[in-house]
Amino acid sequence: QVQLVESGGGLVQPGGSLRLSCAASGSIYAMGWYRQAPGKQRELVASITKGGSTFFANPVQGRFTISRYNANNTVYLQMNSLKPEDTAVYYCTAGAQLGLANYWGRGTQVTVSS
């Protein structure tokens, strides 16, 4: 069982930036982030493998970056040029394939509002 602990959410104005962090209790092939906005389905935002292969959802392409520090099983999501539609609970995930979520964190709220 892999435990995931997120940090870094909060309130930011449109156009601003936030960085989310997630620490895993063990090593796993792929780590990533999903989000769920009120009234919407949970969706994959970004994912990264141990080797550095990445995936980004179309709405965040060019604005978000994902990075990973394998030595301490930590993944980061740098979110720039944030928009109100990025408002959601963001969940850290870990899995056996890029984008796959076998394990979930508890989530951290990101609110983009003026």
C-alpha atoms as a PDB file:
ATOM      1  CA  GLN A   1       0.000   0.000   0.000  1.00  0.00           C
ATOM      2  CA  VAL A   2       1.339   3.425  -0.994  1.00  0.00           C
ATOM      3  CA  GLN A   3       0.400   6.476   1.062  1.00  0.00           C
ATOM      4  CA  LEU A   4       0.264   9.849  -0.681  1.00  0.00           C
ATOM      5  CA  VAL A   5       0.300  13.218   1.079  1.00  0.00           C
ATOM      6  CA  GLU A   6      -0.391  16.419  -0.856  1.00  0.00           C
ATOM      7  CA  SER A   7       0.419  20.006   0.044  1.00  0.00           C
ATOM      8  CA  GLY A   8       0.440  23.420  -1.589  1.00  0.00           C
ATOM      9  CA  GLY A   9      -3.166  24.199  -2.426  1.00  0.00           C
ATOM     10  CA  GLY A  10      -4.834  27.506  -1.668  1.00  0.00           C
ATOM     11  CA  LEU A  11      -6.455  30.620  -3.038  1.00  0.00           C
ATOM     12  CA  VAL A  12      -4.846  32.489  -5.924  1.00  0.00           C
ATOM     13  CA  GLN A  13      -5.940  35.246  -8.277  1.00  0.00           C
ATOM     14  CA  PRO A  14      -6.446  34.578 -11.997  1.00  0.00           C
ATOM     15  CA  GLY A  15      -3.109  34.653 -13.768  1.00  0.00           C
ATOM     16  CA  GLY A  16      -1.255  33.595 -10.652  1.00  0.00           C
ATOM     17  CA  SER A  17       0.770  30.494  -9.860  1.00  0.00           C
ATOM     18  CA  LEU A  18       0.761  27.666  -7.349  1.00  0.00           C
ATOM     19  CA  ARG A  19       2.922  24.626  -6.814  1.00  0.00           C
ATOM     20  CA  LEU A  20       1.491  21.385  -5.492  1.00  0.00           C
ATOM     21  CA  SER A  21       3.691  18.769  -3.874  1.00  0.00           C
ATOM     22  CA  CYS A  22       3.039  15.136  -3.123  1.00  0.00           C
ATOM     23  CA  ALA A  23       5.162  12.724  -1.126  1.00  0.00           C
ATOM     24  CA  ALA A  24       4.726   8.983  -1.567  1.00  0.00           C
ATOM     25  CA  SER A  25       5.571   6.409   1.090  1.00  0.00           C
ATOM     26  CA  GLY A  26       7.191   4.130  -1.466  1.00  0.00           C
ATOM     27  CA  SER A  27       8.554   3.957  -4.978  1.00  0.00           C
ATOM     28  CA  ILE A  28       6.079   3.542  -7.815  1.00  0.00           C
ATOM     29  CA  TYR A  29       6.347   3.754 -11.597  1.00  0.00           C
ATOM     30  CA  ALA A  30       3.995   6.614 -12.392  1.00  0.00           C
ATOM     31  CA  MET A  31       2.763   9.538 -10.337  1.00  0.00           C
ATOM     32  CA  GLY A  32       0.357  12.247 -11.292  1.00  0.00           C
ATOM     33  CA  TRP A  33      -2.500  14.561 -10.516  1.00  0.00           C
ATOM     34  CA  TYR A  34      -6.231  14.365 -11.070  1.00  0.00           C
ATOM     35  CA  ARG A  35      -8.736  17.089 -10.262  1.00  0.00           C
ATOM     36  CA  GLN A  36     -12.440  17.325  -9.604  1.00  0.00           C
ATOM     37  CA  ALA A  37     -14.395  20.537  -9.910  1.00  0.00           C
ATOM     38  CA  PRO A  38     -17.834  20.960  -8.309  1.00  0.00           C
ATOM     39  CA  GLY A  39     -20.456  19.145 -10.346  1.00  0.00           C
ATOM     40  CA  LYS A  40     -17.912  17.647 -12.736  1.00  0.00           C
ATOM     41  CA  GLN A  41     -16.243  14.295 -13.168  1.00  0.00           C
ATOM     42  CA  ARG A  42     -12.762  13.682 -11.897  1.00  0.00           C
ATOM     43  CA  GLU A  43     -10.206  14.183 -14.681  1.00  0.00           C
ATOM     44  CA  LEU A  44      -6.545  13.455 -15.251  1.00  0.00           C
ATOM     45  CA  VAL A  45      -4.436  16.612 -15.272  1.00  0.00           C
ATOM     46  CA  ALA A  46      -0.855  15.399 -15.638  1.00  0.00           C
ATOM     47  CA  SER A  47       1.275  12.332 -15.087  1.00  0.00           C
ATOM     48  CA  ILE A  48       4.965  11.439 -15.074  1.00  0.00           C
ATOM     49  CA  THR A  49       6.918   8.196 -15.048  1.00  0.00           C
ATOM     50  CA  LYS A  50      10.176   7.398 -13.273  1.00  0.00           C
ATOM     51  CA  GLY A  51      11.942   7.859 -16.589  1.00  0.00           C
ATOM     52  CA  GLY A  52      10.455  11.304 -17.132  1.00  0.00           C
ATOM     53  CA  SER A  53       7.772  10.579 -19.713  1.00  0.00           C
ATOM     54  CA  THR A  54       4.862  12.948 -19.224  1.00  0.00           C
ATOM     55  CA  PHE A  55       1.231  13.458 -20.122  1.00  0.00           C
ATOM     56  CA  PHE A  56      -0.790  16.667 -19.877  1.00  0.00           C
ATOM     57  CA  ALA A  57      -4.485  17.174 -20.403  1.00  0.00           C
ATOM     58  CA  ASN A  58      -5.348  19.626 -23.180  1.00  0.00           C
ATOM     59  CA  PRO A  59      -6.769  22.341 -20.877  1.00  0.00           C
ATOM     60  CA  VAL A  60      -3.457  22.668 -19.003  1.00  0.00           C
ATOM     61  CA  GLN A  61      -0.979  22.227 -21.865  1.00  0.00           C
ATOM     62  CA  GLY A  62       1.588  25.015 -21.829  1.00  0.00           C
ATOM     63  CA  ARG A  63       0.521  26.277 -18.389  1.00  0.00           C
ATOM     64  CA  PHE A  64       1.266  23.380 -16.043  1.00  0.00           C
ATOM     65  CA  THR A  65       4.465  21.414 -15.646  1.00  0.00           C
ATOM     66  CA  ILE A  66       5.059  18.213 -13.728  1.00  0.00           C
ATOM     67  CA  SER A  67       8.323  17.067 -12.212  1.00  0.00           C
ATOM     68  CA  ARG A  68       9.466  14.262 -10.024  1.00  0.00           C
ATOM     69  CA  TYR A  69      12.300  13.622  -7.591  1.00  0.00           C
ATOM     70  CA  ASN A  70      12.745   9.854  -7.516  1.00  0.00           C
ATOM     71  CA  ALA A  71      15.186   9.852  -4.602  1.00  0.00           C
ATOM     72  CA  ASN A  72      12.414  10.798  -2.169  1.00  0.00           C
ATOM     73  CA  ASN A  73       9.352   9.711  -4.176  1.00  0.00           C
ATOM     74  CA  THR A  74       8.034  13.253  -4.551  1.00  0.00           C
ATOM     75  CA  VAL A  75       6.080  14.739  -7.441  1.00  0.00           C
ATOM     76  CA  TYR A  76       5.377  18.416  -8.093  1.00  0.00           C
ATOM     77  CA  LEU A  77       2.779  20.192 -10.184  1.00  0.00           C
ATOM     78  CA  GLN A  78       3.705  23.757 -11.116  1.00  0.00           C
ATOM     79  CA  MET A  79       0.595  25.623 -12.181  1.00  0.00           C
ATOM     80  CA  ASN A  80       1.018  28.939 -13.989  1.00  0.00           C
ATOM     81  CA  SER A  81      -1.427  31.335 -15.633  1.00  0.00           C
ATOM     82  CA  LEU A  82      -4.194  29.914 -13.494  1.00  0.00           C
ATOM     83  CA  LYS A  83      -7.802  30.406 -14.592  1.00  0.00           C
ATOM     84  CA  PRO A  84     -11.048  30.253 -12.604  1.00  0.00           C
ATOM     85  CA  GLU A  85     -11.859  27.004 -14.410  1.00  0.00           C
ATOM     86  CA  ASP A  86      -8.796  25.429 -12.766  1.00  0.00           C
ATOM     87  CA  THR A  87     -10.638  25.619  -9.449  1.00  0.00           C
ATOM     88  CA  ALA A  88     -10.954  22.066  -8.134  1.00  0.00           C
ATOM     89  CA  VAL A  89      -9.787  19.589  -5.566  1.00  0.00           C
ATOM     90  CA  TYR A  90      -6.478  18.221  -6.823  1.00  0.00           C
ATOM     91  CA  TYR A  91      -5.579  14.619  -6.004  1.00  0.00           C
ATOM     92  CA  CYS A  92      -2.131  13.113  -6.110  1.00  0.00           C
ATOM     93  CA  THR A  93      -2.099   9.642  -7.635  1.00  0.00           C
ATOM     94  CA  ALA A  94       0.315   6.782  -8.150  1.00  0.00           C
ATOM     95  CA  GLY A  95       0.061   3.797 -10.430  1.00  0.00           C
ATOM     96  CA  ALA A  96       1.634   1.170 -12.611  1.00  0.00           C
ATOM     97  CA  GLN A  97       1.235   3.081 -15.899  1.00  0.00           C
ATOM     98  CA  LEU A  98       1.359   6.689 -17.061  1.00  0.00           C
ATOM     99  CA  GLY A  99      -1.952   8.248 -16.070  1.00  0.00           C
ATOM    100  CA  LEU A 100      -3.153   5.250 -14.095  1.00  0.00           C
ATOM    101  CA  ALA A 101      -4.308   5.837 -10.545  1.00  0.00           C
ATOM    102  CA  ASN A 102      -4.012   2.816  -8.274  1.00  0.00           C
ATOM    103  CA  TYR A 103      -3.478   4.967  -5.189  1.00  0.00           C
ATOM    104  CA  TRP A 104      -5.000   8.307  -4.228  1.00  0.00           C
ATOM    105  CA  GLY A 105      -4.149  11.095  -1.847  1.00  0.00           C
ATOM    106  CA  ARG A 106      -6.821  12.896   0.147  1.00  0.00           C
ATOM    107  CA  GLY A 107      -6.801  15.934  -2.104  1.00  0.00           C
ATOM    108  CA  THR A 108      -5.965  19.611  -1.785  1.00  0.00           C
ATOM    109  CA  GLN A 109      -8.228  22.512  -2.702  1.00  0.00           C
ATOM    110  CA  VAL A 110      -7.136  24.982  -5.369  1.00  0.00           C
ATOM    111  CA  THR A 111      -9.321  28.050  -5.798  1.00  0.00           C
ATOM    112  CA  VAL A 112      -8.696  30.604  -8.527  1.00  0.00           C
ATOM    113  CA  SER A 113     -10.705  33.726  -7.881  1.00  0.00           C
ATOM    114  CA  SER A 114     -10.369  37.487  -7.704  1.00  0.00           C
END
